[in-house]
Amino acid sequence: MLGTHAARARAGLAALVGLAVLAPLGATTATADVDGVPALSQTAAAEQALQQARDVMSGKSTAVSPTLALRDLAVHADQLVGADRQVANALLARPNDANSRTDVGIAVWDGNEAAKSASGGGCSTAVPVCVHWTNTGNDAPPLADANANQVPDWVETTIAAMEDVWTFEVDTLGYRPPLTDERGSIDNDGVNFDVYLSNIGTKGYYGYCTLDDSRLKDGYRYFDFASYCVLDNDFSHREFPTHAPSENLQVTAAHEFFHAVQFAYDAFEDRWFMEGSAAWIEDEVFDSVNDNRQYLFTSQFRKPAAPLDTSRGLSVYGGWGFLRFLSEKFGVDVIKRAWERVDGSPAGPDDYSLQGLARVVNRHGDFHRVLGDFGVVINEPSAFLSEGSQFPSATKDRFALGRRGASTGWQRYVLDHTSYAPIEIRPKSSVPSDARLKITINAPGRATDPEARVMVVRDNGSVRSVTAVKLDRHGDGTANVPFAPSSISHIVVSLANTSTAFHRCYSGRTGFSCGGAVPVHDDQKHWFKALVR
């Protein structure tokens, strides 16, 4: 039986994958709409997906990742005809598909598959993964073969990385393994998951995965699909100057394989959750590489006013920091249980991403309170996270107050859903040793889910206390904290709009949760004042 998400999503599938709203599968005219939004025809949506994929795969656009651009195209490819269909086929082709156009399909080999690869020489004996390669042309990996077994050393290194990734993500953490589509060929044997090596680093890509499931052509009514992955053929320093080639291989394998795992649950989840959890798992599988730290500068650890669930630009990767906070607070299993909530297979409850995550966290407490707590974590990550010293801290509004009676005056902050306004208040040397700071907050009414925290930081940088300000039904509350300059470095006030209410799901109107739904409580005015007493 279809869940609510699945039932509505087929009427607006393009919204789910980041495009405009379109008619149900099989329609050719704009006859359907979602919440009053005119629907595009399947053909128009397919052309839009094709253009996005061409721009992304050619390096002209970074609006979405190659994985998600190709996912969007795979859904609509059958609606394209003629030259457009040929281009789509090339973009979606496996690298060993000699019938594809290499000028469009950036991963398609310019040589034939190596004989040892074609006969299964790259298949692991430990896990059901096969690595495929070519020995000729620009896409060949380094061909050094120390043990003379006709499998290049780099291919063996890749196999070992994939074994580590599968073992950790599937066997240790317990995620569902990727689906494989059984079509009778060597690559599609219905048993082994396929990984291809190709020279995609020239376009700046580490790797990608995409859907390859015959059910896409059969009007399948659920959202779990088979896939394959492509990784760069050598991760050379020339193309990837940060980290060693083997380290870049490791984190890319962990990230991209997790996309294949995600596709086995629901290939059409919100981008922030798909990319955020894929970046999150990099650090769980290979903790020492820390390549995902670069994405934190696009996250709320640096940009707290941006909503957590925005699905545009590089911020989708930065969301891993929030998932790291949750996994440290509630255990690493919390992310898997969220994927089990969003499961869009025939047996899944099929929540949308933020909804599923909230329902899992609510088993431990209140999701809105947890979001409120995150508002102080992004200000002093080293005090709350095991590797927080490597995290940036949020950009704050800063005040310095002196003698008794000094005040910030009323300050206004307009917050969208799941976003924050962090304020730092420092005592001047003229503040008396027995002084306290009174903080008054006037937030929107309780129905909009405002949260406020006041954190006291000692002069040695450690956190002395965190107070959850009790807000009444009107959103009003106060807190009184020590403010002596001899012992207090600063006070952090975090105002938070933790609303997760949406309407017009799957309308594609926004870049937020629930297929581009409209947030109910954006543009909320929060006021605060601090006074030295």
Protein backbone atom coordinates (compact mmCIF):
# COMPACT_ATOMS: atom_id res chain seq x y z
CA MET A 1 0.00 0.00 0.00
CA LEU A 2 1.38 3.42 -0.95
CA GLY A 3 2.26 5.80 1.86
CA THR A 4 1.10 9.42 1.80
CA HIS A 5 4.45 10.58 0.44
CA ALA A 6 4.44 8.02 -2.35
CA ALA A 7 0.83 8.58 -3.32
CA ARG A 8 1.31 12.31 -3.80
CA ALA A 9 4.82 12.16 -5.17
CA ARG A 10 3.86 10.45 -8.40
CA ALA A 11 1.65 13.43 -9.15
CA GLY A 12 4.62 15.70 -8.68
CA LEU A 13 7.70 13.56 -9.12
CA ALA A 14 9.71 16.30 -10.73
CA ALA A 15 9.35 18.36 -7.58
CA LEU A 16 10.80 15.48 -5.59
CA VAL A 17 13.89 15.45 -7.77
CA GLY A 18 14.27 19.20 -7.82
CA LEU A 19 12.50 20.08 -11.05
CA ALA A 20 9.16 21.66 -11.81
CA VAL A 21 5.88 19.89 -11.11
CA LEU A 22 4.81 17.42 -13.77
CA ALA A 23 1.94 15.16 -14.66
CA PRO A 24 1.70 11.53 -13.53
CA LEU A 25 3.95 9.00 -15.26
CA GLY A 26 2.79 8.25 -18.73
CA ALA A 27 1.01 11.58 -19.27
CA THR A 28 1.99 13.71 -22.23
CA THR A 29 0.03 16.88 -21.54
CA ALA A 30 -0.07 19.30 -18.65
CA THR A 31 -3.23 17.95 -17.06
CA ALA A 32 -2.26 17.57 -13.38
CA ASP A 33 -1.36 20.05 -10.71
CA VAL A 34 -0.19 19.98 -7.11
CA ASP A 35 -1.83 22.50 -4.77
CA GLY A 36 -2.76 24.70 -7.68
CA VAL A 37 0.68 24.72 -9.33
CA PRO A 38 0.32 24.04 -13.07
CA ALA A 39 2.00 20.79 -14.03
CA LEU A 40 4.62 20.50 -16.71
CA SER A 41 4.21 17.75 -19.24
CA GLN A 42 6.49 14.75 -18.90
CA THR A 43 8.30 15.89 -22.04
CA ALA A 44 9.01 19.38 -20.68
CA ALA A 45 10.22 17.99 -17.36
CA ALA A 46 12.45 15.49 -19.17
CA GLU A 47 14.00 18.25 -21.28
CA GLN A 48 14.65 20.26 -18.14
CA ALA A 49 16.31 17.26 -16.49
CA LEU A 50 18.42 16.66 -19.59
CA GLN A 51 19.68 20.24 -19.68
CA GLN A 52 20.54 20.13 -15.98
CA ALA A 53 22.45 16.87 -16.41
CA ARG A 54 24.36 18.17 -19.44
CA ASP A 55 25.38 21.32 -17.58
CA VAL A 56 26.44 19.45 -14.47
CA MET A 57 28.31 16.65 -16.20
CA SER A 58 30.15 19.08 -18.48
CA GLY A 59 31.28 21.11 -15.47
CA LYS A 60 29.22 24.19 -16.39
CA SER A 61 27.00 23.96 -13.32
CA THR A 62 27.39 22.96 -9.67
CA ALA A 63 23.71 23.44 -8.86
CA VAL A 64 23.45 19.76 -7.94
CA SER A 65 25.90 16.88 -7.72
CA PRO A 66 26.45 14.52 -10.69
CA THR A 67 24.74 11.77 -8.68
CA LEU A 68 21.54 13.75 -8.24
CA ALA A 69 21.60 15.30 -11.72
CA LEU A 70 21.77 11.82 -13.25
CA ARG A 71 19.14 10.53 -10.85
CA ASP A 72 16.77 13.22 -12.10
CA LEU A 73 17.56 12.37 -15.72
CA ALA A 74 17.12 8.63 -15.22
CA VAL A 75 13.55 9.18 -14.06
CA HIS A 76 12.62 11.08 -17.23
CA ALA A 77 14.83 9.57 -19.92
CA ASP A 78 12.05 7.50 -21.50
CA GLN A 79 10.11 10.69 -22.26
CA LEU A 80 12.87 11.94 -24.56
CA VAL A 81 13.08 11.12 -28.26
CA GLY A 82 15.55 11.41 -31.12
CA ALA A 83 18.84 13.19 -30.46
CA ASP A 84 17.77 14.13 -26.92
CA ARG A 85 17.25 10.49 -26.05
CA GLN A 86 20.67 9.61 -27.47
CA VAL A 87 22.30 12.27 -25.31
CA ALA A 88 20.42 11.05 -22.24
CA ASN A 89 21.50 7.47 -22.95
CA ALA A 90 25.12 8.59 -23.21
CA LEU A 91 24.97 10.51 -19.93
CA LEU A 92 23.44 7.53 -18.15
CA ALA A 93 25.63 4.91 -19.83
CA ARG A 94 27.94 2.62 -17.96
CA PRO A 95 31.55 3.40 -18.94
CA ASN A 96 31.95 0.10 -20.82
CA ASP A 97 29.02 0.88 -23.10
CA ALA A 98 30.76 1.24 -26.45
CA ASN A 99 27.57 2.43 -28.16
CA SER A 100 27.42 5.69 -26.19
CA ARG A 101 28.68 9.06 -27.36
CA THR A 102 31.89 9.83 -25.46
CA ASP A 103 31.62 13.57 -26.20
CA VAL A 104 28.59 13.68 -23.89
CA GLY A 105 28.99 10.73 -21.58
CA ILE A 106 32.04 11.89 -19.66
CA ALA A 107 32.70 8.54 -18.02
CA VAL A 108 32.38 6.35 -21.14
CA TRP A 109 35.73 4.73 -21.89
CA ASP A 110 37.63 5.54 -25.04
CA GLY A 111 39.01 1.99 -24.95
CA ASN A 112 37.54 -1.46 -24.46
CA GLU A 113 37.07 -3.15 -21.12
CA ALA A 114 40.12 -5.12 -20.01
CA ALA A 115 39.76 -8.85 -20.65
CA LYS A 116 40.43 -9.66 -17.00
CA SER A 117 37.78 -7.16 -15.95
CA ALA A 118 35.19 -8.48 -18.40
CA SER A 119 35.70 -12.01 -17.06
CA GLY A 120 35.14 -10.94 -13.46
CA GLY A 121 38.78 -10.45 -12.42
CA GLY A 122 37.86 -7.35 -10.44
CA CYS A 123 35.22 -9.04 -8.30
CA SER A 124 35.83 -9.18 -4.58
CA THR A 125 35.88 -12.55 -2.85
CA ALA A 126 34.78 -10.92 0.43
CA VAL A 127 31.77 -8.82 -0.57
CA PRO A 128 29.47 -8.77 -3.66
CA VAL A 129 31.24 -5.91 -5.47
CA CYS A 130 32.91 -5.97 -8.89
CA VAL A 131 35.33 -3.26 -10.05
CA HIS A 132 35.56 -2.73 -13.83
CA TRP A 133 38.36 -1.04 -15.77
CA THR A 134 39.97 -0.56 -19.16
CA ASN A 135 43.66 -1.09 -19.92
CA THR A 136 43.76 1.38 -22.81
CA GLY A 137 43.15 5.05 -23.43
CA ASN A 138 42.67 8.01 -21.16
CA ASP A 139 40.44 6.13 -18.73
CA ALA A 140 42.89 3.38 -17.84
CA PRO A 141 44.02 3.34 -14.21
CA PRO A 142 47.75 3.11 -13.43
CA LEU A 143 48.68 -0.25 -14.92
CA ALA A 144 51.42 -1.31 -12.49
CA ASP A 145 50.78 -4.94 -11.56
CA ALA A 146 53.20 -6.08 -8.86
CA ASN A 147 51.85 -9.60 -8.55
CA ALA A 148 51.42 -10.06 -12.33
CA ASN A 149 47.82 -11.28 -11.99
CA GLN A 150 46.53 -9.00 -14.78
CA VAL A 151 44.65 -6.90 -12.23
CA PRO A 152 46.40 -3.52 -11.83
CA ASP A 153 47.49 -2.62 -8.32
CA TRP A 154 45.18 0.41 -8.29
CA VAL A 155 42.22 -1.81 -9.12
CA GLU A 156 43.16 -4.04 -6.19
CA THR A 157 43.41 -0.94 -3.99
CA THR A 158 39.92 0.05 -5.12
CA ILE A 159 38.57 -3.44 -4.41
CA ALA A 160 40.04 -3.25 -0.90
CA ALA A 161 38.44 0.15 -0.31
CA MET A 162 35.07 -1.13 -1.49
CA GLU A 163 35.40 -4.15 0.80
CA ASP A 164 36.05 -1.83 3.76
CA VAL A 165 33.09 0.35 2.81
CA TRP A 166 30.63 -2.52 2.30
CA THR A 167 31.75 -4.23 5.50
CA PHE A 168 31.30 -1.11 7.58
CA GLU A 169 28.16 0.39 6.05
CA VAL A 170 26.22 -2.84 5.44
CA ASP A 171 27.63 -5.44 7.82
CA THR A 172 28.62 -3.27 10.80
CA LEU A 173 26.11 -0.41 10.69
CA GLY A 174 23.35 -2.59 9.25
CA TYR A 175 22.24 -0.53 6.25
CA ARG A 176 20.38 -2.17 3.40
CA PRO A 177 22.80 -3.23 0.64
CA PRO A 178 22.49 -1.61 -2.79
CA LEU A 179 20.06 -3.19 -5.21
CA THR A 180 21.35 -4.75 -8.41
CA ASP A 181 19.21 -4.97 -11.51
CA GLU A 182 19.16 -8.45 -13.05
CA ARG A 183 19.25 -8.18 -16.83
CA GLY A 184 21.39 -11.15 -17.79
CA SER A 185 24.69 -9.46 -18.71
CA ILE A 186 28.02 -9.89 -16.91
CA ASP A 187 27.70 -6.49 -15.26
CA ASN A 188 24.03 -6.87 -14.34
CA ASP A 189 24.04 -10.30 -12.79
CA GLY A 190 21.61 -9.43 -10.04
CA VAL A 191 24.20 -10.34 -7.42
CA ASN A 192 27.26 -8.08 -7.57
CA PHE A 193 27.27 -4.31 -7.26
CA ASP A 194 29.25 -2.68 -10.07
CA VAL A 195 31.89 0.04 -9.72
CA TYR A 196 33.69 1.51 -12.73
CA LEU A 197 36.96 3.41 -12.92
CA SER A 198 37.05 6.31 -15.37
CA ASN A 199 38.96 9.55 -15.78
CA ILE A 200 36.27 11.87 -14.42
CA GLY A 201 38.72 13.93 -12.36
CA THR A 202 39.33 16.11 -15.41
CA LYS A 203 35.84 17.51 -14.79
CA GLY A 204 36.53 17.94 -11.09
CA TYR A 205 34.47 14.90 -10.03
CA TYR A 206 35.62 12.35 -7.48
CA GLY A 207 32.81 9.94 -8.27
CA TYR A 208 29.09 9.49 -8.75
CA CYS A 209 26.36 6.87 -8.74
CA THR A 210 23.23 6.70 -10.83
CA LEU A 211 20.09 4.65 -11.23
CA ASP A 212 20.10 1.69 -13.59
CA ASP A 213 16.94 -0.30 -13.03
CA SER A 214 14.60 -1.80 -15.60
CA ARG A 215 11.70 -0.91 -13.29
CA LEU A 216 12.20 2.73 -14.29
CA LYS A 217 10.78 1.74 -17.67
CA ASP A 218 7.95 -0.29 -16.19
CA GLY A 219 6.09 2.37 -14.20
CA TYR A 220 7.26 1.03 -10.84
CA ARG A 221 5.21 2.72 -8.11
CA TYR A 222 7.78 2.77 -5.34
CA PHE A 223 11.10 4.52 -4.83
CA ASP A 224 13.78 1.88 -4.21
CA PHE A 225 16.02 1.40 -7.23
CA ALA A 226 19.17 -0.37 -8.37
CA SER A 227 22.28 1.61 -9.31
CA TYR A 228 25.97 1.50 -10.15
CA CYS A 229 28.89 3.81 -9.30
CA VAL A 230 31.79 5.45 -11.14
CA LEU A 231 34.99 6.50 -9.37
CA ASP A 232 37.96 8.43 -10.72
CA ASN A 233 40.59 6.15 -12.23
CA ASP A 234 43.59 7.35 -10.18
CA PHE A 235 42.78 10.39 -7.95
CA SER A 236 46.01 11.96 -9.14
CA HIS A 237 47.51 14.87 -7.21
CA ARG A 238 47.25 16.97 -10.36
CA GLU A 239 43.47 16.77 -10.23
CA PHE A 240 42.99 16.35 -6.46
CA PRO A 241 45.85 18.09 -4.63
CA THR A 242 44.35 17.65 -1.15
CA HIS A 243 44.99 14.31 0.58
CA ALA A 244 46.74 11.25 -0.80
CA PRO A 245 45.14 9.43 -3.76
CA SER A 246 44.30 6.44 -1.55
CA GLU A 247 42.60 8.73 0.99
CA ASN A 248 40.52 10.44 -1.70
CA LEU A 249 39.56 7.00 -2.99
CA GLN A 250 38.48 5.91 0.48
CA VAL A 251 36.18 8.82 1.29
CA THR A 252 34.76 8.89 -2.23
CA ALA A 253 34.00 5.19 -2.08
CA ALA A 254 32.30 5.64 1.31
CA HIS A 255 30.27 8.63 0.09
CA GLU A 256 29.19 7.31 -3.29
CA PHE A 257 28.48 3.77 -2.12
CA PHE A 258 26.20 5.28 0.50
CA HIS A 259 24.23 6.94 -2.31
CA ALA A 260 23.70 3.46 -3.75
CA VAL A 261 22.54 2.36 -0.29
CA GLN A 262 20.18 5.36 -0.16
CA PHE A 263 18.73 4.42 -3.55
CA ALA A 264 17.85 1.02 -2.08
CA TYR A 265 15.65 2.86 0.44
CA ASP A 266 14.35 5.86 -1.51
CA ALA A 267 16.13 7.40 -4.47
CA PHE A 268 14.04 10.57 -4.29
CA GLU A 269 14.69 11.90 -0.81
CA ASP A 270 15.48 15.58 -0.26
CA ARG A 271 18.92 16.57 -1.45
CA TRP A 272 20.14 17.95 1.89
CA PHE A 273 19.52 14.61 3.59
CA MET A 274 21.00 12.50 0.79
CA GLU A 275 24.20 14.51 0.43
CA GLY A 276 24.43 15.36 4.13
CA SER A 277 24.24 11.75 5.26
CA ALA A 278 26.64 10.64 2.51
CA ALA A 279 29.16 13.24 3.72
CA TRP A 280 28.47 12.21 7.33
CA ILE A 281 29.31 8.57 6.69
CA GLU A 282 32.69 9.42 5.17
CA ASP A 283 33.91 10.26 8.66
CA GLU A 284 32.36 7.16 10.17
CA VAL A 285 34.08 4.76 7.76
CA PHE A 286 37.43 6.57 7.38
CA ASP A 287 37.76 8.84 10.39
CA SER A 288 41.31 10.07 9.77
CA VAL A 289 40.86 11.61 6.30
CA ASN A 290 38.49 14.45 7.29
CA ASP A 291 37.81 15.59 3.75
CA ASN A 292 34.21 16.43 4.71
CA ARG A 293 35.45 19.27 6.94
CA GLN A 294 35.50 21.51 3.86
CA TYR A 295 31.70 21.34 3.64
CA LEU A 296 31.20 22.73 7.13
CA PHE A 297 31.96 26.20 5.82
CA THR A 298 28.69 25.98 3.86
CA SER A 299 26.78 24.73 6.91
CA GLN A 300 25.12 26.30 9.93
CA PHE A 301 28.46 26.04 11.71
CA ARG A 302 29.34 29.07 9.61
CA LYS A 303 26.00 30.29 8.23
CA PRO A 304 23.42 29.86 11.00
CA ALA A 305 20.72 31.96 9.32
CA ALA A 306 20.35 29.46 6.46
CA PRO A 307 17.68 26.78 7.10
CA LEU A 308 18.98 23.32 7.88
CA ASP A 309 17.03 21.68 5.05
CA THR A 310 17.95 23.92 2.16
CA SER A 311 18.65 21.81 -0.92
CA ARG A 312 20.49 24.31 -3.06
CA GLY A 313 24.21 24.65 -3.65
CA LEU A 314 27.02 23.16 -1.59
CA SER A 315 25.14 23.62 1.68
CA VAL A 316 23.51 20.22 1.07
CA TYR A 317 26.85 18.66 1.99
CA GLY A 318 27.33 20.84 5.06
CA GLY A 319 24.24 19.38 6.69
CA TRP A 320 26.41 16.44 7.78
CA GLY A 321 27.48 18.51 10.79
CA PHE A 322 23.96 18.39 12.24
CA LEU A 323 23.80 14.64 11.59
CA ARG A 324 27.13 14.28 13.39
CA PHE A 325 25.64 16.12 16.37
CA LEU A 326 22.67 13.74 16.39
CA SER A 327 24.82 10.62 16.03
CA GLU A 328 27.01 11.67 18.95
CA LYS A 329 24.02 12.61 21.08
CA PHE A 330 21.83 9.58 20.38
CA GLY A 331 24.22 7.03 18.89
CA VAL A 332 25.35 6.30 15.36
CA ASP A 333 22.24 4.18 14.72
CA VAL A 334 20.02 7.29 14.70
CA ILE A 335 20.83 8.02 11.04
CA LYS A 336 20.02 4.48 9.94
CA ARG A 337 16.71 4.59 11.78
CA ALA A 338 15.93 7.84 9.95
CA TRP A 339 16.60 6.11 6.61
CA GLU A 340 14.28 3.33 7.72
CA ARG A 341 11.59 5.96 8.33
CA VAL A 342 12.00 7.49 4.86
CA ASP A 343 12.11 4.07 3.20
CA GLY A 344 10.10 4.32 -0.02
CA SER A 345 10.13 0.62 -0.88
CA PRO A 346 6.87 -1.37 -0.78
CA ALA A 347 7.49 -2.16 2.91
CA GLY A 348 8.53 1.33 4.04
CA PRO A 349 6.65 4.07 5.92
CA ASP A 350 7.93 6.61 3.33
CA ASP A 351 8.27 9.73 5.45
CA TYR A 352 9.99 12.70 3.87
CA SER A 353 13.49 13.44 5.16
CA LEU A 354 12.96 16.01 7.91
CA GLN A 355 9.77 14.26 9.02
CA GLY A 356 11.51 10.89 9.34
CA LEU A 357 14.46 12.37 11.19
CA ALA A 358 12.15 14.21 13.59
CA ARG A 359 10.14 11.06 14.34
CA VAL A 360 13.29 9.14 15.20
CA VAL A 361 14.64 11.89 17.46
CA ASN A 362 11.25 12.27 19.14
CA ARG A 363 11.69 8.77 20.54
CA HIS A 364 14.42 10.26 22.73
CA GLY A 365 12.77 13.58 23.51
CA ASP A 366 11.55 16.57 21.56
CA PHE A 367 13.01 17.37 18.14
CA HIS A 368 12.39 21.09 18.55
CA ARG A 369 14.36 21.13 21.79
CA VAL A 370 17.18 19.24 20.09
CA LEU A 371 17.20 21.82 17.31
CA GLY A 372 17.33 24.50 20.00
CA ASP A 373 20.33 22.80 21.61
CA PHE A 374 22.12 22.73 18.26
CA GLY A 375 22.06 26.52 18.34
CA VAL A 376 24.77 26.56 21.02
CA VAL A 377 26.70 23.63 19.50
CA ILE A 378 27.41 25.64 16.34
CA ASN A 379 28.85 28.42 18.51
CA GLU A 380 31.24 26.35 20.62
CA PRO A 381 31.64 23.04 18.71
CA SER A 382 34.80 22.06 20.59
CA ALA A 383 32.78 21.94 23.84
CA PHE A 384 30.14 19.58 22.50
CA LEU A 385 31.59 17.40 19.72
CA SER A 386 34.39 14.88 19.88
CA GLU A 387 36.30 16.51 17.02
CA GLY A 388 34.72 19.92 17.43
CA SER A 389 38.06 21.72 17.48
CA GLN A 390 38.23 21.02 13.73
CA PHE A 391 34.83 22.64 13.13
CA PRO A 392 34.29 26.32 12.34
CA SER A 393 32.05 28.32 14.66
CA ALA A 394 29.02 30.32 13.64
CA THR A 395 29.18 33.95 12.62
CA LYS A 396 27.74 35.96 15.53
CA ASP A 397 26.37 39.40 16.25
CA ARG A 398 28.69 40.83 18.92
CA PHE A 399 28.23 43.29 21.81
CA ALA A 400 30.49 44.45 24.62
CA LEU A 401 28.85 45.89 27.76
CA GLY A 402 30.36 47.91 30.63
CA ARG A 403 29.03 49.19 33.97
CA ARG A 404 25.69 48.42 35.55
CA GLY A 405 22.85 49.72 33.47
CA ALA A 406 24.62 49.11 30.16
CA SER A 407 22.30 47.50 27.62
CA THR A 408 22.26 46.21 24.10
CA GLY A 409 18.83 47.76 23.64
CA TRP A 410 16.21 45.76 21.79
CA GLN A 411 17.67 43.86 18.84
CA ARG A 412 15.54 42.25 16.15
CA TYR A 413 16.33 39.09 14.18
CA VAL A 414 14.11 37.67 11.45
CA LEU A 415 14.48 33.90 11.24
CA ASP A 416 13.31 31.30 8.78
CA HIS A 417 12.48 27.73 9.84
CA THR A 418 15.31 25.62 11.33
CA SER A 419 17.68 28.57 11.52
CA TYR A 420 19.49 30.55 14.20
CA ALA A 421 20.59 33.98 15.36
CA PRO A 422 23.65 33.65 17.62
CA ILE A 423 24.66 36.68 19.70
CA GLU A 424 27.85 37.09 21.72
CA ILE A 425 28.02 39.49 24.67
CA ARG A 426 31.36 40.23 26.38
CA PRO A 427 31.91 42.02 29.71
CA LYS A 428 34.21 45.04 29.68
CA SER A 429 36.73 45.42 32.47
CA SER A 430 34.50 48.08 34.06
CA VAL A 431 31.78 45.52 34.85
CA PRO A 432 31.57 44.93 38.66
CA SER A 433 32.71 41.55 39.95
CA ASP A 434 29.22 40.74 41.29
CA ALA A 435 27.39 41.78 38.14
CA ARG A 436 24.84 39.63 36.36
CA LEU A 437 23.41 39.86 32.90
CA LYS A 438 19.66 39.91 32.46
CA ILE A 439 18.55 38.64 29.08
CA THR A 440 15.01 39.32 27.93
CA ILE A 441 13.57 37.54 24.92
CA ASN A 442 10.42 38.33 22.99
CA ALA A 443 10.00 35.56 20.42
CA PRO A 444 6.98 34.62 18.32
CA GLY A 445 4.23 32.62 20.00
CA ARG A 446 4.82 29.07 21.18
CA ALA A 447 2.85 27.64 18.24
CA THR A 448 5.71 28.66 15.91
CA ASP A 449 8.25 26.59 17.92
CA PRO A 450 10.73 29.24 19.04
CA GLU A 451 13.64 28.12 21.22
CA ALA A 452 16.29 30.14 23.05
CA ARG A 453 19.50 29.15 24.79
CA VAL A 454 21.92 31.13 26.94
CA MET A 455 25.44 29.77 27.27
CA VAL A 456 28.03 31.04 29.77
CA VAL A 457 31.66 30.60 28.69
CA ARG A 458 34.45 30.85 31.26
CA ASP A 459 37.57 32.90 30.71
CA ASN A 460 39.50 29.67 29.96
CA GLY A 461 37.12 28.89 27.10
CA SER A 462 35.18 26.09 28.77
CA VAL A 463 31.40 26.13 28.95
CA ARG A 464 30.13 26.88 32.45
CA SER A 465 26.43 26.43 31.78
CA VAL A 466 23.73 26.26 29.12
CA THR A 467 20.22 27.44 30.00
CA ALA A 468 17.16 26.65 27.96
CA VAL A 469 15.11 29.82 28.36
CA LYS A 470 11.52 29.02 29.27
CA LEU A 471 9.28 30.86 26.84
CA ASP A 472 5.60 31.36 27.63
CA ARG A 473 2.80 30.94 25.10
CA HIS A 474 3.50 34.45 23.81
CA GLY A 475 7.20 33.65 23.29
CA ASP A 476 8.42 35.79 26.21
CA GLY A 477 11.12 34.72 28.67
CA THR A 478 14.12 35.89 30.70
CA ALA A 479 17.42 34.53 31.98
CA ASN A 480 19.95 35.88 34.52
CA VAL A 481 23.57 34.72 34.34
CA PRO A 482 26.94 35.68 35.88
CA PHE A 483 28.80 38.42 34.05
CA ALA A 484 31.98 39.11 36.03
CA PRO A 485 34.92 39.87 33.70
CA SER A 486 37.31 38.09 36.07
CA SER A 487 35.73 34.71 35.38
CA ILE A 488 33.48 35.08 32.34
CA SER A 489 34.79 35.31 28.79
CA HIS A 490 31.44 35.83 27.09
CA ILE A 491 27.77 34.95 26.96
CA VAL A 492 26.17 33.40 23.90
CA VAL A 493 22.46 33.91 23.28
CA SER A 494 21.05 31.63 20.60
CA LEU A 495 17.64 32.44 19.17
CA ALA A 496 16.14 29.64 17.12
CA ASN A 497 13.17 29.14 14.83
CA THR A 498 12.76 25.37 15.10
CA SER A 499 9.53 25.12 13.13
CA THR A 500 9.25 22.06 10.88
CA ALA A 501 5.72 22.81 9.62
CA PHE A 502 5.16 22.81 5.85
CA HIS A 503 2.31 22.95 3.42
CA ARG A 504 2.02 22.35 -0.34
CA CYS A 505 4.32 19.33 -0.20
CA TYR A 506 5.74 18.13 -3.55
CA SER A 507 4.86 21.43 -5.19
CA GLY A 508 8.46 22.31 -6.03
CA ARG A 509 7.84 25.89 -4.89
CA THR A 510 10.97 26.04 -2.71
CA GLY A 511 14.29 24.33 -2.18
CA PHE A 512 13.19 22.91 1.17
CA SER A 513 11.80 19.68 2.61
CA CYS A 514 8.92 17.58 1.40
CA GLY A 515 9.59 18.01 -2.30
CA GLY A 516 9.86 21.79 -2.27
CA ALA A 517 7.11 22.49 0.26
CA VAL A 518 6.36 25.96 1.62
CA PRO A 519 7.44 26.57 5.23
CA VAL A 520 4.57 27.72 7.47
CA HIS A 521 6.65 29.79 9.90
CA ASP A 522 9.34 31.63 7.95
CA ASP A 523 10.18 35.32 8.48
CA GLN A 524 9.53 35.14 12.22
CA LYS A 525 10.61 38.19 14.27
CA HIS A 526 12.66 37.46 17.38
CA TRP A 527 13.66 40.25 19.79
CA PHE A 528 16.25 40.21 22.55
CA LYS A 529 17.79 42.66 25.04
CA ALA A 530 20.66 42.24 27.49
CA LEU A 531 21.14 44.46 30.55
CA VAL A 532 24.01 44.54 33.08
CA ARG A 533 22.67 44.41 36.63
